[in-house]
């Protein structure tokens, strides 16, 4: 019955690199192939290739990966060529434009309930909007024992002693992943447990500069040993990422803004418990008290106005004043972070138990083959059955 399966063209940063949006599209692409759906990939901005593939491949659906600002590339372009777009959208704090286009679509996917709530808050009709998690490769991202020479060497490279417990945060900008809140939490518990090493992995060392300076100020204010906080930067291959994550004892990411949290899911797939925040997309991935801990919200960042620019689809740059302030970001409660962090640092049995549960949870719910099949069935149910 394979010939009855719909054909889809996936628009994402293609060929895929190592950023989250690329991986989101790549895993969907691979997953549909694994489930025997005819599929091709194309870069979102490759106008010539897109038009050629529309005619050569003749897809039933064009699945575009991005956020609302990518609407011209992943929604309007297929529509102009008579094809049905099915966007799979992330969040970007607020939705500034393209409401009419989005409201006319029969099916939109988003990466979490929180993303859906953000679109609804900002005036988009969410009647045909469905949360679909991002899939990961749980066979590639799987645990490596701490006794493995690769993990031991990684820990040595990072200056982690055998008696140390390693805390890890990964993100393009570690500050947005809650790095500063974790530093403050460490300041509260350093007197009770001092054998820790905190590693922040970002794409660019010390960027942006004001964030890096703020973090250095926190280290000084909290009287934290400077040699116990370690930064690394630059791209990593998937296998090196797996070794780095497996070298950690705790993955800490109480993110300030998070539409899903792919690396948190990858950490769970590697058997590492996660410390995060009870908000946003994270609530749909980490199971509190089972696969990790979710600290309560300590602070929200409200916007009363914001700039809208021509690259958002407007004719000119202008400032928009909101009728009601919009919650743009969150901060985790530092006292709760400290409490949960101390438990994870000191209770080896708890950490091991949570790591096992985390792996089971990731495999059962977030493997890319399952997620891709779920997406295919959603499209079949909402669109393809009616089309046939």
Protein backbone atom coordinates (compact mmCIF):
# COMPACT_ATOMS: atom_id res chain seq x y z
CA UNK A 1 0.00 0.00 0.00
CA UNK A 2 3.06 2.28 -0.11
CA UNK A 3 1.82 3.89 -3.34
CA UNK A 4 -1.13 5.35 -1.40
CA UNK A 5 1.09 7.26 1.01
CA UNK A 6 1.29 10.98 0.44
CA UNK A 7 4.41 12.68 -0.89
CA UNK A 8 5.96 15.55 1.04
CA UNK A 9 8.66 18.12 0.41
CA UNK A 10 10.37 19.22 3.65
CA UNK A 11 11.61 22.81 3.71
CA UNK A 12 14.33 23.41 6.31
CA UNK A 13 17.98 24.54 6.43
CA UNK A 14 19.17 21.92 3.94
CA UNK A 15 21.61 20.26 3.82
CA UNK A 16 21.20 20.12 7.59
CA UNK A 17 23.76 21.68 9.89
CA UNK A 18 23.91 21.29 13.68
CA UNK A 19 21.40 23.92 14.77
CA UNK A 20 18.04 22.94 16.25
CA UNK A 21 15.89 23.92 13.25
CA UNK A 22 18.15 21.95 10.88
CA UNK A 23 17.96 18.88 13.10
CA UNK A 24 14.21 19.22 13.50
CA UNK A 25 13.77 19.10 9.74
CA UNK A 26 16.42 16.44 9.21
CA UNK A 27 14.88 14.03 11.71
CA UNK A 28 11.44 14.51 10.18
CA UNK A 29 12.91 13.87 6.73
CA UNK A 30 14.69 10.72 7.87
CA UNK A 31 11.71 9.53 9.89
CA UNK A 32 9.29 9.77 6.98
CA UNK A 33 11.78 7.83 4.85
CA UNK A 34 12.05 5.15 7.55
CA UNK A 35 8.26 4.88 7.55
CA UNK A 36 8.26 4.49 3.77
CA UNK A 37 6.71 7.85 2.88
CA UNK A 38 7.95 9.44 -0.37
CA UNK A 39 9.85 12.55 0.76
CA UNK A 40 12.44 15.04 -0.42
CA UNK A 41 14.24 17.88 1.33
CA UNK A 42 15.01 21.40 0.14
CA UNK A 43 16.38 24.58 1.67
CA UNK A 44 13.64 27.02 2.65
CA UNK A 45 15.22 29.90 0.75
CA UNK A 46 16.28 28.01 -2.41
CA UNK A 47 13.73 29.59 -4.76
CA UNK A 48 14.90 27.88 -7.95
CA UNK A 49 15.22 24.42 -6.44
CA UNK A 50 11.87 24.68 -4.67
CA UNK A 51 10.09 25.62 -7.88
CA UNK A 52 11.83 22.80 -9.74
CA UNK A 53 10.94 20.21 -7.12
CA UNK A 54 7.34 21.40 -6.98
CA UNK A 55 7.08 20.39 -10.66
CA UNK A 56 9.41 17.37 -10.71
CA UNK A 57 8.47 15.70 -7.41
CA UNK A 58 4.86 16.96 -7.31
CA UNK A 59 4.45 16.75 -3.51
CA UNK A 60 1.02 16.45 -1.94
CA UNK A 61 2.19 18.62 0.97
CA UNK A 62 5.04 21.03 1.64
CA UNK A 63 6.08 20.78 5.29
CA UNK A 64 8.01 23.89 6.31
CA UNK A 65 10.15 24.12 9.45
CA UNK A 66 10.63 27.53 11.07
CA UNK A 67 8.80 30.29 12.92
CA UNK A 68 6.14 32.81 11.85
CA UNK A 69 8.77 35.06 10.28
CA UNK A 70 9.57 32.29 7.77
CA UNK A 71 6.01 32.48 6.38
CA UNK A 72 7.10 33.88 2.96
CA UNK A 73 9.43 30.90 2.40
CA UNK A 74 7.51 27.98 3.90
CA UNK A 75 3.85 29.01 3.47
CA UNK A 76 3.31 31.73 0.88
CA UNK A 77 5.72 30.26 -1.65
CA UNK A 78 4.00 26.84 -1.83
CA UNK A 79 0.59 28.54 -1.94
CA UNK A 80 1.67 30.64 -4.92
CA UNK A 81 2.48 27.40 -6.75
CA UNK A 82 -0.85 25.76 -5.92
CA UNK A 83 0.52 23.45 -3.21
CA UNK A 84 -0.70 22.87 0.33
CA UNK A 85 1.77 24.05 3.00
CA UNK A 86 1.83 22.38 6.42
CA UNK A 87 4.09 24.51 8.65
CA UNK A 88 5.71 23.09 11.77
CA UNK A 89 6.38 26.22 13.79
CA UNK A 90 8.64 27.17 16.67
CA UNK A 91 8.18 30.20 18.94
CA UNK A 92 10.00 33.52 18.89
CA UNK A 93 8.60 35.28 21.97
CA UNK A 94 5.69 36.91 20.16
CA UNK A 95 3.88 36.72 16.83
CA UNK A 96 4.10 40.04 15.02
CA UNK A 97 2.73 39.37 11.53
CA UNK A 98 1.16 37.01 8.96
CA UNK A 99 -1.92 36.36 11.07
CA UNK A 100 -4.28 36.30 8.07
CA UNK A 101 -2.15 33.79 6.18
CA UNK A 102 -1.84 31.52 9.21
CA UNK A 103 -5.56 31.73 9.96
CA UNK A 104 -6.44 30.41 6.50
CA UNK A 105 -4.40 27.20 6.81
CA UNK A 106 -6.28 23.94 7.47
CA UNK A 107 -3.39 22.47 9.49
CA UNK A 108 -0.51 23.96 11.46
CA UNK A 109 1.87 22.03 13.69
CA UNK A 110 3.75 23.62 16.59
CA UNK A 111 6.48 22.19 18.80
CA UNK A 112 4.61 22.42 22.14
CA UNK A 113 1.42 23.48 23.87
CA UNK A 114 3.23 26.62 25.03
CA UNK A 115 3.99 27.61 21.44
CA UNK A 116 0.31 27.12 20.62
CA UNK A 117 -0.65 29.30 23.59
CA UNK A 118 1.76 32.00 22.39
CA UNK A 119 0.17 32.08 18.94
CA UNK A 120 -3.31 32.17 20.48
CA UNK A 121 -2.33 35.00 22.84
CA UNK A 122 -1.07 37.03 19.89
CA UNK A 123 -4.24 36.71 17.83
CA UNK A 124 -3.75 33.62 15.68
CA UNK A 125 -6.69 31.21 15.37
CA UNK A 126 -5.43 27.95 16.88
CA UNK A 127 -8.45 25.78 15.99
CA UNK A 128 -6.40 23.86 13.42
CA UNK A 129 -3.11 24.00 15.35
CA UNK A 130 -1.65 20.80 16.82
CA UNK A 131 1.36 20.41 19.14
CA UNK A 132 3.86 17.86 17.80
CA UNK A 133 7.15 17.29 19.64
CA UNK A 134 10.50 17.28 17.87
CA UNK A 135 11.93 13.82 17.31
CA UNK A 136 15.52 12.82 18.04
CA UNK A 137 17.66 9.81 17.19
CA UNK A 138 17.52 7.79 20.41
CA UNK A 139 19.79 5.12 18.92
CA UNK A 140 22.52 7.65 18.25
CA UNK A 141 21.93 9.59 21.47
CA UNK A 142 22.13 6.77 23.99
CA UNK A 143 24.02 6.33 27.27
CA UNK A 144 27.75 5.80 27.45
CA UNK A 145 28.92 4.51 30.87
CA UNK A 146 31.10 6.79 32.98
CA UNK A 147 33.70 3.99 32.87
CA UNK A 148 34.02 4.27 29.09
CA UNK A 149 37.46 5.66 28.09
CA UNK A 150 35.84 8.24 25.78
CA UNK A 151 33.79 9.68 28.63
CA UNK A 152 36.71 9.58 31.04
CA UNK A 153 38.91 11.47 28.57
CA UNK A 154 36.17 14.04 27.95
CA UNK A 155 35.90 14.67 31.67
CA UNK A 156 39.68 15.05 31.92
CA UNK A 157 39.70 17.54 29.04
CA UNK A 158 37.09 19.56 30.93
CA UNK A 159 39.07 19.43 34.18
CA UNK A 160 36.54 17.20 35.94
CA UNK A 161 38.15 15.15 38.72
CA UNK A 162 36.95 11.59 39.47
CA UNK A 163 35.23 12.75 42.67
CA UNK A 164 33.52 15.69 40.94
CA UNK A 165 29.93 15.83 39.76
CA UNK A 166 29.63 17.53 36.38
CA UNK A 167 26.73 19.87 35.58
CA UNK A 168 26.24 20.72 31.90
CA UNK A 169 24.28 23.40 30.04
CA UNK A 170 24.24 23.55 26.23
CA UNK A 171 22.85 26.24 23.96
CA UNK A 172 23.72 28.74 21.26
CA UNK A 173 23.65 31.27 24.06
CA UNK A 174 23.95 29.48 27.42
CA UNK A 175 22.50 32.49 29.23
CA UNK A 176 19.13 31.93 27.53
CA UNK A 177 19.28 28.35 28.79
CA UNK A 178 19.42 29.51 32.41
CA UNK A 179 23.19 29.53 32.98
CA UNK A 180 23.06 32.55 35.29
CA UNK A 181 20.26 31.10 37.42
CA UNK A 182 22.24 27.87 37.88
CA UNK A 183 25.31 29.88 38.92
CA UNK A 184 23.24 31.63 41.58
CA UNK A 185 21.89 28.27 42.76
CA UNK A 186 25.44 26.96 43.05
CA UNK A 187 26.26 30.00 45.17
CA UNK A 188 23.59 28.88 47.64
CA UNK A 189 24.80 25.27 47.97
CA UNK A 190 28.56 25.54 47.47
CA UNK A 191 29.11 25.38 51.23
CA UNK A 192 27.22 22.08 51.44
CA UNK A 193 28.67 20.45 48.33
CA UNK A 194 31.80 21.77 46.71
CA UNK A 195 32.91 18.94 44.42
CA UNK A 196 31.08 20.21 41.35
CA UNK A 197 32.17 21.34 37.91
CA UNK A 198 29.84 23.48 35.80
CA UNK A 199 30.36 23.36 32.02
CA UNK A 200 28.62 25.74 29.62
CA UNK A 201 28.69 24.82 25.92
CA UNK A 202 27.85 27.68 23.56
CA UNK A 203 28.44 28.36 19.87
CA UNK A 204 30.63 31.41 20.47
CA UNK A 205 32.84 31.91 23.51
CA UNK A 206 31.91 34.89 25.65
CA UNK A 207 29.08 36.01 23.36
CA UNK A 208 27.16 38.18 23.70
CA UNK A 209 29.74 40.08 25.71
CA UNK A 210 27.29 41.63 28.17
CA UNK A 211 25.94 38.18 29.11
CA UNK A 212 29.45 36.84 29.62
CA UNK A 213 30.35 39.85 31.78
CA UNK A 214 27.18 39.37 33.86
CA UNK A 215 28.12 35.75 34.47
CA UNK A 216 31.61 36.68 35.55
CA UNK A 217 30.06 39.18 37.97
CA UNK A 218 27.79 36.44 39.40
CA UNK A 219 30.76 34.12 39.89
CA UNK A 220 32.51 36.87 41.84
CA UNK A 221 29.43 37.93 43.83
CA UNK A 222 28.59 34.35 44.80
CA UNK A 223 32.24 33.69 45.70
CA UNK A 224 32.34 30.67 43.42
CA UNK A 225 35.70 29.10 42.60
CA UNK A 226 36.49 30.40 39.13
CA UNK A 227 38.21 27.15 38.15
CA UNK A 228 34.97 25.20 38.67
CA UNK A 229 33.13 27.04 35.90
CA UNK A 230 34.28 26.06 32.44
CA UNK A 231 33.18 27.39 29.04
CA UNK A 232 33.56 25.58 25.73
CA UNK A 233 32.44 26.88 22.36
CA UNK A 234 32.06 25.98 18.72
CA UNK A 235 30.20 23.27 16.80
CA UNK A 236 30.25 19.62 17.83
CA UNK A 237 29.45 16.53 15.81
CA UNK A 238 26.55 14.40 16.99
CA UNK A 239 28.87 11.71 18.36
CA UNK A 240 31.03 14.22 20.23
CA UNK A 241 27.82 15.75 21.60
CA UNK A 242 26.80 12.31 22.85
CA UNK A 243 30.13 11.86 24.61
CA UNK A 244 29.92 15.34 26.15
CA UNK A 245 26.37 14.78 27.42
CA UNK A 246 27.24 11.32 28.74
CA UNK A 247 30.18 12.84 30.62
CA UNK A 248 27.74 14.94 32.66
CA UNK A 249 26.01 13.86 35.85
CA UNK A 250 23.26 16.49 35.57
CA UNK A 251 21.93 18.38 32.59
CA UNK A 252 20.80 21.83 33.75
CA UNK A 253 18.67 24.01 31.49
CA UNK A 254 16.12 26.17 33.32
CA UNK A 255 15.64 28.04 30.05
CA UNK A 256 14.38 31.60 29.88
CA UNK A 257 12.57 30.95 26.60
CA UNK A 258 12.07 27.45 25.21
CA UNK A 259 9.59 26.26 22.61
CA UNK A 260 10.60 22.63 23.03
CA UNK A 261 14.06 21.81 24.39
CA UNK A 262 15.72 19.32 22.05
CA UNK A 263 18.99 19.01 23.96
CA UNK A 264 17.12 18.33 27.19
CA UNK A 265 15.45 15.41 25.44
CA UNK A 266 18.80 14.25 24.08
CA UNK A 267 20.24 14.39 27.60
CA UNK A 268 17.39 12.21 28.84
CA UNK A 269 18.03 9.81 25.95
CA UNK A 270 21.61 9.55 27.21
CA UNK A 271 20.35 8.67 30.69
CA UNK A 272 21.12 12.03 32.29
CA UNK A 273 18.53 13.59 34.64
CA UNK A 274 17.44 17.12 33.74
CA UNK A 275 17.04 20.18 35.95
CA UNK A 276 14.79 22.74 34.27
CA UNK A 277 11.85 25.11 34.77
CA UNK A 278 8.15 24.35 35.12
CA UNK A 279 7.14 26.44 32.12
CA UNK A 280 7.03 26.63 28.31
CA UNK A 281 7.85 23.65 26.10
CA UNK A 282 9.88 21.96 28.81
CA UNK A 283 6.69 20.97 30.65
CA UNK A 284 5.93 18.57 27.81
CA UNK A 285 9.31 16.85 27.88
CA UNK A 286 10.67 16.54 31.44
CA UNK A 287 8.56 14.59 33.95
CA UNK A 288 8.95 16.24 37.36
CA UNK A 289 10.24 13.89 40.08
CA UNK A 290 10.75 11.10 37.52
CA UNK A 291 13.14 12.15 34.74
CA UNK A 292 14.38 15.25 36.52
CA UNK A 293 13.14 18.29 38.40
CA UNK A 294 11.21 21.36 37.25
CA UNK A 295 11.76 24.44 39.40
CA UNK A 296 8.88 26.86 39.70
CA UNK A 297 8.87 30.21 37.93
CA UNK A 298 10.66 32.89 39.94
CA UNK A 299 10.19 35.84 37.61
CA UNK A 300 8.59 36.74 34.30
CA UNK A 301 9.86 39.28 31.80
CA UNK A 302 7.02 41.46 30.49
CA UNK A 303 7.03 43.52 27.31
CA UNK A 304 4.82 46.57 26.97
CA UNK A 305 6.11 47.46 23.52
CA UNK A 306 8.43 46.03 20.91
CA UNK A 307 9.96 46.98 17.59
CA UNK A 308 8.64 45.44 14.39
CA UNK A 309 10.96 45.48 11.40
CA UNK A 310 10.78 45.17 7.64
CA UNK A 311 12.33 41.69 7.84
CA UNK A 312 9.18 40.68 9.74
CA UNK A 313 7.09 41.51 6.67
CA UNK A 314 6.24 45.13 7.49
CA UNK A 315 6.61 48.05 5.09
CA UNK A 316 8.69 50.05 7.58
CA UNK A 317 10.30 49.69 10.98
CA UNK A 318 7.97 50.79 13.76
CA UNK A 319 7.27 50.23 17.44
CA UNK A 320 4.17 48.34 18.53
CA UNK A 321 2.61 49.12 21.92
CA UNK A 322 0.64 46.22 23.38
CA UNK A 323 -2.81 46.63 24.92
CA UNK A 324 -1.66 44.24 27.65
CA UNK A 325 1.96 43.41 28.53
CA UNK A 326 3.20 40.18 26.96
CA UNK A 327 5.22 37.61 28.88
CA UNK A 328 8.35 37.32 26.79
CA UNK A 329 10.59 35.14 28.98
CA UNK A 330 10.91 33.46 32.36
CA UNK A 331 13.44 33.02 35.15
CA UNK A 332 13.47 29.91 37.33
CA UNK A 333 13.21 30.27 41.10
CA UNK A 334 16.82 30.13 42.31
CA UNK A 335 15.95 28.67 45.73
CA UNK A 336 14.14 25.74 44.10
CA UNK A 337 16.97 25.26 41.64
CA UNK A 338 19.38 25.11 44.57
CA UNK A 339 17.23 22.57 46.43
CA UNK A 340 16.89 20.23 43.45
CA UNK A 341 20.49 20.70 42.37
CA UNK A 342 21.74 19.69 45.82
CA UNK A 343 19.59 16.54 45.75
CA UNK A 344 20.95 15.54 42.36
CA UNK A 345 24.54 16.26 43.36
CA UNK A 346 24.41 14.33 46.63
CA UNK A 347 21.99 11.44 46.01
CA UNK A 348 23.71 9.04 43.63
CA UNK A 349 20.93 6.47 43.72
CA UNK A 350 18.29 9.08 42.88
CA UNK A 351 20.37 10.39 40.00
CA UNK A 352 20.82 6.88 38.58
CA UNK A 353 17.13 6.05 38.96
CA UNK A 354 16.08 9.27 37.24
CA UNK A 355 18.58 8.66 34.44
CA UNK A 356 17.04 5.25 33.71
CA UNK A 357 13.53 6.73 33.71
CA UNK A 358 14.73 9.58 31.50
CA UNK A 359 16.07 7.18 28.88
CA UNK A 360 12.84 5.16 28.88
CA UNK A 361 10.76 8.34 28.56
CA UNK A 362 12.80 9.71 25.65
CA UNK A 363 12.71 6.45 23.70
CA UNK A 364 8.96 5.96 24.23
CA UNK A 365 7.92 9.50 23.32
CA UNK A 366 10.55 11.34 21.28
CA UNK A 367 12.25 8.93 18.90
CA UNK A 368 12.25 10.51 15.43
CA UNK A 369 10.68 7.48 13.76
CA UNK A 370 7.69 7.60 16.14
CA UNK A 371 7.31 11.38 15.88
CA UNK A 372 7.49 11.29 12.08
CA UNK A 373 4.85 8.58 11.93
CA UNK A 374 2.63 10.57 14.30
CA UNK A 375 2.99 13.60 12.03
CA UNK A 376 2.19 11.53 8.95
CA UNK A 377 -0.94 10.14 10.60
CA UNK A 378 -2.01 13.65 11.66
CA UNK A 379 -1.71 14.85 8.06
CA UNK A 380 -3.55 11.79 6.80
CA UNK A 381 -6.34 12.31 9.31
CA UNK A 382 -6.76 16.06 8.87
CA UNK A 383 -5.94 16.48 5.18
CA UNK A 384 -5.14 13.44 3.08
CA UNK A 385 -8.27 11.37 3.81
CA UNK A 386 -10.46 14.34 2.82
CA UNK A 387 -8.38 14.95 -0.31
CA UNK A 388 -8.79 11.37 -1.48
